[in-house]
Amino acid sequence: MRRKLETFELMQIWIVDKKIGDLADKQWDRMGEQFKTNSIPLHAIVSPEGKELARFVYSPTVTEAEYLAFLVKGLAAMK
């Protein structure tokens, strides 16, 4: 799975860290606008143009195979 992850550029949106003040609220709003959800943790694969290609709402019960399928789906959508 590590090789699949290395294919992506990782980015985090901080929406619950009150130490960053108003930025957390702005990013919460951005997440709601762009992804139409505020479920966290949300993993999304997004094209360089900003188009969502795959989405995965993480949970503690997720299997490695399920997460790998999400990554493969996102890679396929990039092509």
PDB file of N, CA and C in Angstrom:
ATOM      1  N   MET A   1       0.824  -1.192   0.000  1.00  0.00           N
ATOM      2  CA  MET A   1       0.000   0.000   0.000  1.00  0.00           C
ATOM      3  C   MET A   1       0.867   1.255   0.000  1.00  0.00           C
ATOM      4  N   ARG A   2       2.027   1.197   0.612  1.00  0.00           N
ATOM      5  CA  ARG A   2       2.903   2.374   0.677  1.00  0.00           C
ATOM      6  C   ARG A   2       3.227   2.893  -0.722  1.00  0.00           C
ATOM      7  N   ARG A   3       3.446   1.987  -1.678  1.00  0.00           N
ATOM      8  CA  ARG A   3       3.752   2.433  -3.037  1.00  0.00           C
ATOM      9  C   ARG A   3       2.581   3.183  -3.652  1.00  0.00           C
ATOM     10  N   LYS A   4       1.362   2.749  -3.364  1.00  0.00           N
ATOM     11  CA  LYS A   4       0.186   3.465  -3.870  1.00  0.00           C
ATOM     12  C   LYS A   4       0.105   4.859  -3.253  1.00  0.00           C
ATOM     13  N   LEU A   5       0.350   4.956  -1.959  1.00  0.00           N
ATOM     14  CA  LEU A   5       0.288   6.252  -1.282  1.00  0.00           C
ATOM     15  C   LEU A   5       1.341   7.218  -1.810  1.00  0.00           C
ATOM     16  N   GLU A   6       2.507   6.712  -2.171  1.00  0.00           N
ATOM     17  CA  GLU A   6       3.578   7.571  -2.669  1.00  0.00           C
ATOM     18  C   GLU A   6       3.228   8.207  -4.005  1.00  0.00           C
ATOM     19  N   THR A   7       2.197   7.707  -4.678  1.00  0.00           N
ATOM     20  CA  THR A   7       1.750   8.256  -5.946  1.00  0.00           C
ATOM     21  C   THR A   7       1.073   9.609  -5.761  1.00  0.00           C
ATOM     22  N   PHE A   8       0.563   9.869  -4.565  1.00  0.00           N
ATOM     23  CA  PHE A   8      -0.242  11.051  -4.297  1.00  0.00           C
ATOM     24  C   PHE A   8       0.546  12.123  -3.562  1.00  0.00           C
ATOM     25  N   GLU A   9       0.121  13.356  -3.765  1.00  0.00           N
ATOM     26  CA  GLU A   9       0.599  14.471  -2.954  1.00  0.00           C
ATOM     27  C   GLU A   9      -0.426  14.645  -1.841  1.00  0.00           C
ATOM     28  N   LEU A  10       0.018  14.552  -0.611  1.00  0.00           N
ATOM     29  CA  LEU A  10      -0.905  14.601   0.519  1.00  0.00           C
ATOM     30  C   LEU A  10      -1.128  16.036   0.981  1.00  0.00           C
ATOM     31  N   MET A  11      -2.370  16.322   1.360  1.00  0.00           N
ATOM     32  CA  MET A  11      -2.741  17.626   1.860  1.00  0.00           C
ATOM     33  C   MET A  11      -3.734  17.425   2.996  1.00  0.00           C
ATOM     34  N   GLN A  12      -3.642  18.246   4.004  1.00  0.00           N
ATOM     35  CA  GLN A  12      -4.575  18.178   5.113  1.00  0.00           C
ATOM     36  C   GLN A  12      -5.292  19.512   5.257  1.00  0.00           C
ATOM     37  N   ILE A  13      -6.560  19.428   5.567  1.00  0.00           N
ATOM     38  CA  ILE A  13      -7.321  20.624   5.911  1.00  0.00           C
ATOM     39  C   ILE A  13      -7.629  20.508   7.392  1.00  0.00           C
ATOM     40  N   TRP A  14      -7.145  21.455   8.171  1.00  0.00           N
ATOM     41  CA  TRP A  14      -7.367  21.446   9.610  1.00  0.00           C
ATOM     42  C   TRP A  14      -8.654  22.167   9.916  1.00  0.00           C
ATOM     43  N   ILE A  15      -9.623  21.455  10.475  1.00  0.00           N
ATOM     44  CA  ILE A  15     -10.917  22.078  10.730  1.00  0.00           C
ATOM     45  C   ILE A  15     -11.321  22.013  12.196  1.00  0.00           C
ATOM     46  N   VAL A  16     -10.511  21.391  13.022  1.00  0.00           N
ATOM     47  CA  VAL A  16     -10.894  21.258  14.425  1.00  0.00           C
ATOM     48  C   VAL A  16      -9.843  21.808  15.389  1.00  0.00           C
ATOM     49  N   ASP A  17      -8.793  22.389  14.885  1.00  0.00           N
ATOM     50  CA  ASP A  17      -7.721  22.906  15.723  1.00  0.00           C
ATOM     51  C   ASP A  17      -7.971  24.381  16.020  1.00  0.00           C
ATOM     52  N   LYS A  18      -8.480  24.674  17.194  1.00  0.00           N
ATOM     53  CA  LYS A  18      -8.824  26.052  17.536  1.00  0.00           C
ATOM     54  C   LYS A  18      -7.592  26.939  17.725  1.00  0.00           C
ATOM     55  N   LYS A  19      -6.389  26.343  17.771  1.00  0.00           N
ATOM     56  CA  LYS A  19      -5.174  27.153  17.872  1.00  0.00           C
ATOM     57  C   LYS A  19      -4.943  27.970  16.609  1.00  0.00           C
ATOM     58  N   ILE A  20      -5.562  27.577  15.505  1.00  0.00           N
ATOM     59  CA  ILE A  20      -5.387  28.339  14.269  1.00  0.00           C
ATOM     60  C   ILE A  20      -6.543  29.307  14.042  1.00  0.00           C
ATOM     61  N   GLY A  21      -7.395  29.421  15.044  1.00  0.00           N
ATOM     62  CA  GLY A  21      -8.429  30.456  15.052  1.00  0.00           C
ATOM     63  C   GLY A  21      -9.384  30.419  13.881  1.00  0.00           C
ATOM     64  N   ASP A  22      -9.560  31.586  13.257  1.00  0.00           N
ATOM     65  CA  ASP A  22     -10.519  31.742  12.162  1.00  0.00           C
ATOM     66  C   ASP A  22     -10.212  30.834  10.980  1.00  0.00           C
ATOM     67  N   LEU A  23      -8.952  30.462  10.797  1.00  0.00           N
ATOM     68  CA  LEU A  23      -8.590  29.597   9.682  1.00  0.00           C
ATOM     69  C   LEU A  23      -9.308  28.256   9.773  1.00  0.00           C
ATOM     70  N   ALA A  24      -9.469  27.726  10.979  1.00  0.00           N
ATOM     71  CA  ALA A  24     -10.185  26.456  11.143  1.00  0.00           C
ATOM     72  C   ALA A  24     -11.624  26.596  10.664  1.00  0.00           C
ATOM     73  N   ASP A  25     -12.275  27.693  11.018  1.00  0.00           N
ATOM     74  CA  ASP A  25     -13.652  27.924  10.581  1.00  0.00           C
ATOM     75  C   ASP A  25     -13.735  28.083   9.069  1.00  0.00           C
ATOM     76  N   LYS A  26     -12.781  28.796   8.493  1.00  0.00           N
ATOM     77  CA  LYS A  26     -12.773  28.987   7.038  1.00  0.00           C
ATOM     78  C   LYS A  26     -12.576  27.660   6.324  1.00  0.00           C
ATOM     79  N   GLN A  27     -11.702  26.835   6.868  1.00  0.00           N
ATOM     80  CA  GLN A  27     -11.457  25.543   6.228  1.00  0.00           C
ATOM     81  C   GLN A  27     -12.645  24.602   6.420  1.00  0.00           C
ATOM     82  N   TRP A  28     -13.340  24.694   7.553  1.00  0.00           N
ATOM     83  CA  TRP A  28     -14.574  23.923   7.774  1.00  0.00           C
ATOM     84  C   TRP A  28     -15.600  24.300   6.696  1.00  0.00           C
ATOM     85  N   ASP A  29     -15.735  25.614   6.452  1.00  0.00           N
ATOM     86  CA  ASP A  29     -16.659  26.084   5.417  1.00  0.00           C
ATOM     87  C   ASP A  29     -16.228  25.601   4.037  1.00  0.00           C
ATOM     88  N   ARG A  30     -14.935  25.666   3.764  1.00  0.00           N
ATOM     89  CA  ARG A  30     -14.415  25.222   2.466  1.00  0.00           C
ATOM     90  C   ARG A  30     -14.702  23.746   2.250  1.00  0.00           C
ATOM     91  N   MET A  31     -14.500  22.942   3.275  1.00  0.00           N
ATOM     92  CA  MET A  31     -14.763  21.511   3.163  1.00  0.00           C
ATOM     93  C   MET A  31     -16.235  21.265   2.849  1.00  0.00           C
ATOM     94  N   GLY A  32     -17.120  21.965   3.546  1.00  0.00           N
ATOM     95  CA  GLY A  32     -18.546  21.820   3.292  1.00  0.00           C
ATOM     96  C   GLY A  32     -18.931  22.224   1.882  1.00  0.00           C
ATOM     97  N   GLU A  33     -18.351  23.311   1.397  1.00  0.00           N
ATOM     98  CA  GLU A  33     -18.658  23.783   0.050  1.00  0.00           C
ATOM     99  C   GLU A  33     -18.111  22.840  -1.014  1.00  0.00           C
ATOM    100  N   GLN A  34     -16.848  22.464  -0.888  1.00  0.00           N
ATOM    101  CA  GLN A  34     -16.212  21.658  -1.932  1.00  0.00           C
ATOM    102  C   GLN A  34     -16.672  20.209  -1.914  1.00  0.00           C
ATOM    103  N   PHE A  35     -16.816  19.628  -0.723  1.00  0.00           N
ATOM    104  CA  PHE A  35     -17.102  18.200  -0.636  1.00  0.00           C
ATOM    105  C   PHE A  35     -18.536  17.901  -0.217  1.00  0.00           C
ATOM    106  N   LYS A  36     -19.310  18.937   0.072  1.00  0.00           N
ATOM    107  CA  LYS A  36     -20.720  18.786   0.473  1.00  0.00           C
ATOM    108  C   LYS A  36     -20.878  17.899   1.709  1.00  0.00           C
ATOM    109  N   THR A  37     -19.890  17.919   2.573  1.00  0.00           N
ATOM    110  CA  THR A  37     -19.938  17.191   3.835  1.00  0.00           C
ATOM    111  C   THR A  37     -18.922  17.791   4.786  1.00  0.00           C
ATOM    112  N   ASN A  38     -19.136  17.575   6.051  1.00  0.00           N
ATOM    113  CA  ASN A  38     -18.140  17.930   7.057  1.00  0.00           C
ATOM    114  C   ASN A  38     -17.792  16.702   7.888  1.00  0.00           C
ATOM    115  N   SER A  39     -17.990  15.521   7.295  1.00  0.00           N
ATOM    116  CA  SER A  39     -17.619  14.277   7.967  1.00  0.00           C
ATOM    117  C   SER A  39     -16.105  14.203   8.076  1.00  0.00           C
ATOM    118  N   ILE A  40     -15.638  13.878   9.265  1.00  0.00           N
ATOM    119  CA  ILE A  40     -14.199  13.728   9.431  1.00  0.00           C
ATOM    120  C   ILE A  40     -13.915  12.411  10.132  1.00  0.00           C
ATOM    121  N   PRO A  41     -12.828  11.762   9.807  1.00  0.00           N
ATOM    122  CA  PRO A  41     -11.887  12.161   8.757  1.00  0.00           C
ATOM    123  C   PRO A  41     -12.385  11.746   7.373  1.00  0.00           C
ATOM    124  N   LEU A  42     -12.329  12.665   6.458  1.00  0.00           N
ATOM    125  CA  LEU A  42     -12.700  12.440   5.067  1.00  0.00           C
ATOM    126  C   LEU A  42     -11.412  12.377   4.255  1.00  0.00           C
ATOM    127  N   HIS A  43     -11.259  11.344   3.483  1.00  0.00           N
ATOM    128  CA  HIS A  43     -10.130  11.233   2.561  1.00  0.00           C
ATOM    129  C   HIS A  43     -10.701  11.405   1.166  1.00  0.00           C
ATOM    130  N   ALA A  44     -10.116  12.288   0.389  1.00  0.00           N
ATOM    131  CA  ALA A  44     -10.589  12.529  -0.974  1.00  0.00           C
ATOM    132  C   ALA A  44      -9.388  12.587  -1.912  1.00  0.00           C
ATOM    133  N   ILE A  45      -9.580  12.055  -3.091  1.00  0.00           N
ATOM    134  CA  ILE A  45      -8.579  12.182  -4.147  1.00  0.00           C
ATOM    135  C   ILE A  45      -9.135  13.224  -5.107  1.00  0.00           C
ATOM    136  N   VAL A  46      -8.345  14.269  -5.320  1.00  0.00           N
ATOM    137  CA  VAL A  46      -8.780  15.418  -6.093  1.00  0.00           C
ATOM    138  C   VAL A  46      -7.781  15.652  -7.217  1.00  0.00           C
ATOM    139  N   SER A  47      -8.294  15.913  -8.406  1.00  0.00           N
ATOM    140  CA  SER A  47      -7.422  16.197  -9.547  1.00  0.00           C
ATOM    141  C   SER A  47      -6.737  17.550  -9.346  1.00  0.00           C
ATOM    142  N   PRO A  48      -5.676  17.817 -10.099  1.00  0.00           N
ATOM    143  CA  PRO A  48      -5.026  19.131  -9.998  1.00  0.00           C
ATOM    144  C   PRO A  48      -5.988  20.289 -10.299  1.00  0.00           C
ATOM    145  N   GLU A  49      -7.045  20.013 -11.044  1.00  0.00           N
ATOM    146  CA  GLU A  49      -8.029  21.041 -11.370  1.00  0.00           C
ATOM    147  C   GLU A  49      -9.084  21.205 -10.276  1.00  0.00           C
ATOM    148  N   GLY A  50      -9.026  20.361  -9.244  1.00  0.00           N
ATOM    149  CA  GLY A  50      -9.957  20.465  -8.133  1.00  0.00           C
ATOM    150  C   GLY A  50     -11.165  19.552  -8.223  1.00  0.00           C
ATOM    151  N   LYS A  51     -11.216  18.668  -9.216  1.00  0.00           N
ATOM    152  CA  LYS A  51     -12.345  17.745  -9.363  1.00  0.00           C
ATOM    153  C   LYS A  51     -12.156  16.552  -8.432  1.00  0.00           C
ATOM    154  N   GLU A  52     -13.192  16.232  -7.674  1.00  0.00           N
ATOM    155  CA  GLU A  52     -13.129  15.073  -6.783  1.00  0.00           C
ATOM    156  C   GLU A  52     -13.217  13.791  -7.618  1.00  0.00           C
ATOM    157  N   LEU A  53     -12.251  12.891  -7.411  1.00  0.00           N
ATOM    158  CA  LEU A  53     -12.185  11.654  -8.177  1.00  0.00           C
ATOM    159  C   LEU A  53     -12.600  10.433  -7.361  1.00  0.00           C
ATOM    160  N   ALA A  54     -12.380  10.478  -6.070  1.00  0.00           N
ATOM    161  CA  ALA A  54     -12.752   9.377  -5.183  1.00  0.00           C
ATOM    162  C   ALA A  54     -12.866   9.920  -3.774  1.00  0.00           C
ATOM    163  N   ARG A  55     -13.724   9.283  -2.987  1.00  0.00           N
ATOM    164  CA  ARG A  55     -13.981   9.736  -1.616  1.00  0.00           C
ATOM    165  C   ARG A  55     -14.027   8.527  -0.697  1.00  0.00           C
ATOM    166  N   PHE A  56     -13.524   8.733   0.517  1.00  0.00           N
ATOM    167  CA  PHE A  56     -13.521   7.668   1.513  1.00  0.00           C
ATOM    168  C   PHE A  56     -13.683   8.302   2.885  1.00  0.00           C
ATOM    169  N   VAL A  57     -14.771   7.962   3.569  1.00  0.00           N
ATOM    170  CA  VAL A  57     -14.954   8.418   4.938  1.00  0.00           C
ATOM    171  C   VAL A  57     -14.373   7.337   5.831  1.00  0.00           C
ATOM    172  N   TYR A  58     -13.293   7.655   6.467  1.00  0.00           N
ATOM    173  CA  TYR A  58     -12.534   6.691   7.258  1.00  0.00           C
ATOM    174  C   TYR A  58     -13.282   6.316   8.536  1.00  0.00           C
ATOM    175  N   SER A  59     -13.165   5.066   8.913  1.00  0.00           N
ATOM    176  CA  SER A  59     -13.689   4.600  10.196  1.00  0.00           C
ATOM    177  C   SER A  59     -12.698   3.599  10.785  1.00  0.00           C
ATOM    178  N   PRO A  60     -12.750   3.362  12.079  1.00  0.00           N
ATOM    179  CA  PRO A  60     -11.804   2.433  12.708  1.00  0.00           C
ATOM    180  C   PRO A  60     -11.952   0.992  12.221  1.00  0.00           C
ATOM    181  N   THR A  61     -13.070   0.666  11.599  1.00  0.00           N
ATOM    182  CA  THR A  61     -13.279  -0.714  11.158  1.00  0.00           C
ATOM    183  C   THR A  61     -12.847  -0.964   9.718  1.00  0.00           C
ATOM    184  N   VAL A  62     -12.333   0.041   9.056  1.00  0.00           N
ATOM    185  CA  VAL A  62     -11.940  -0.110   7.654  1.00  0.00           C
ATOM    186  C   VAL A  62     -10.800  -1.119   7.529  1.00  0.00           C
ATOM    187  N   THR A  63     -10.866  -1.897   6.466  1.00  0.00           N
ATOM    188  CA  THR A  63      -9.794  -2.865   6.214  1.00  0.00           C
ATOM    189  C   THR A  63      -8.789  -2.259   5.243  1.00  0.00           C
ATOM    190  N   GLU A  64      -7.613  -2.819   5.242  1.00  0.00           N
ATOM    191  CA  GLU A  64      -6.592  -2.365   4.305  1.00  0.00           C
ATOM    192  C   GLU A  64      -7.070  -2.555   2.866  1.00  0.00           C
ATOM    193  N   ALA A  65      -7.765  -3.647   2.597  1.00  0.00           N
ATOM    194  CA  ALA A  65      -8.272  -3.906   1.238  1.00  0.00           C
ATOM    195  C   ALA A  65      -9.274  -2.836   0.803  1.00  0.00           C
ATOM    196  N   GLU A  66     -10.134  -2.396   1.716  1.00  0.00           N
ATOM    197  CA  GLU A  66     -11.110  -1.346   1.380  1.00  0.00           C
ATOM    198  C   GLU A  66     -10.407  -0.030   1.070  1.00  0.00           C
ATOM    199  N   TYR A  67      -9.394   0.289   1.863  1.00  0.00           N
ATOM    200  CA  TYR A  67      -8.682   1.543   1.630  1.00  0.00           C
ATOM    201  C   TYR A  67      -7.872   1.469   0.340  1.00  0.00           C
ATOM    202  N   LEU A  68      -7.276   0.325   0.088  1.00  0.00           N
ATOM    203  CA  LEU A  68      -6.521   0.136  -1.151  1.00  0.00           C
ATOM    204  C   LEU A  68      -7.449   0.275  -2.359  1.00  0.00           C
ATOM    205  N   ALA A  69      -8.671  -0.247  -2.275  1.00  0.00           N
ATOM    206  CA  ALA A  69      -9.635  -0.114  -3.368  1.00  0.00           C
ATOM    207  C   ALA A  69      -9.942   1.364  -3.632  1.00  0.00           C
ATOM    208  N   PHE A  70     -10.041   2.162  -2.580  1.00  0.00           N
ATOM    209  CA  PHE A  70     -10.249   3.607  -2.726  1.00  0.00           C
ATOM    210  C   PHE A  70      -9.079   4.239  -3.483  1.00  0.00           C
ATOM    211  N   LEU A  71      -7.845   3.878  -3.128  1.00  0.00           N
ATOM    212  CA  LEU A  71      -6.677   4.444  -3.793  1.00  0.00           C
ATOM    213  C   LEU A  71      -6.639   4.030  -5.273  1.00  0.00           C
ATOM    214  N   VAL A  72      -6.931   2.774  -5.537  1.00  0.00           N
ATOM    215  CA  VAL A  72      -6.921   2.274  -6.915  1.00  0.00           C
ATOM    216  C   VAL A  72      -7.985   2.986  -7.740  1.00  0.00           C
ATOM    217  N   LYS A  73      -9.167   3.195  -7.165  1.00  0.00           N
ATOM    218  CA  LYS A  73     -10.233   3.921  -7.854  1.00  0.00           C
ATOM    219  C   LYS A  73      -9.776   5.342  -8.203  1.00  0.00           C
ATOM    220  N   GLY A  74      -9.133   5.994  -7.260  1.00  0.00           N
ATOM    221  CA  GLY A  74      -8.647   7.344  -7.510  1.00  0.00           C
ATOM    222  C   GLY A  74      -7.576   7.396  -8.586  1.00  0.00           C
ATOM    223  N   LEU A  75      -6.668   6.427  -8.560  1.00  0.00           N
ATOM    224  CA  LEU A  75      -5.628   6.365  -9.596  1.00  0.00           C
ATOM    225  C   LEU A  75      -6.236   6.137 -10.968  1.00  0.00           C
ATOM    226  N   ALA A  76      -7.209   5.232 -11.043  1.00  0.00           N
ATOM    227  CA  ALA A  76      -7.856   4.956 -12.321  1.00  0.00           C
ATOM    228  C   ALA A  76      -8.556   6.195 -12.861  1.00  0.00           C
ATOM    229  N   ALA A  77      -9.160   6.968 -11.987  1.00  0.00           N
ATOM    230  CA  ALA A  77      -9.863   8.183 -12.407  1.00  0.00           C
ATOM    231  C   ALA A  77      -8.896   9.252 -12.894  1.00  0.00           C
ATOM    232  N   MET A  78      -7.652   9.199 -12.452  1.00  0.00           N
ATOM    233  CA  MET A  78      -6.652  10.190 -12.876  1.00  0.00           C
ATOM    234  C   MET A  78      -6.238   9.974 -14.338  1.00  0.00           C
ATOM    235  N   LYS A  79      -6.402   8.758 -14.819  1.00  0.00           N
ATOM    236  CA  LYS A  79      -5.914   8.431 -16.174  1.00  0.00           C
ATOM    237  C   LYS A  79      -6.861   8.840 -17.249  1.00  0.00           C
TER     238      LYS A  79
END
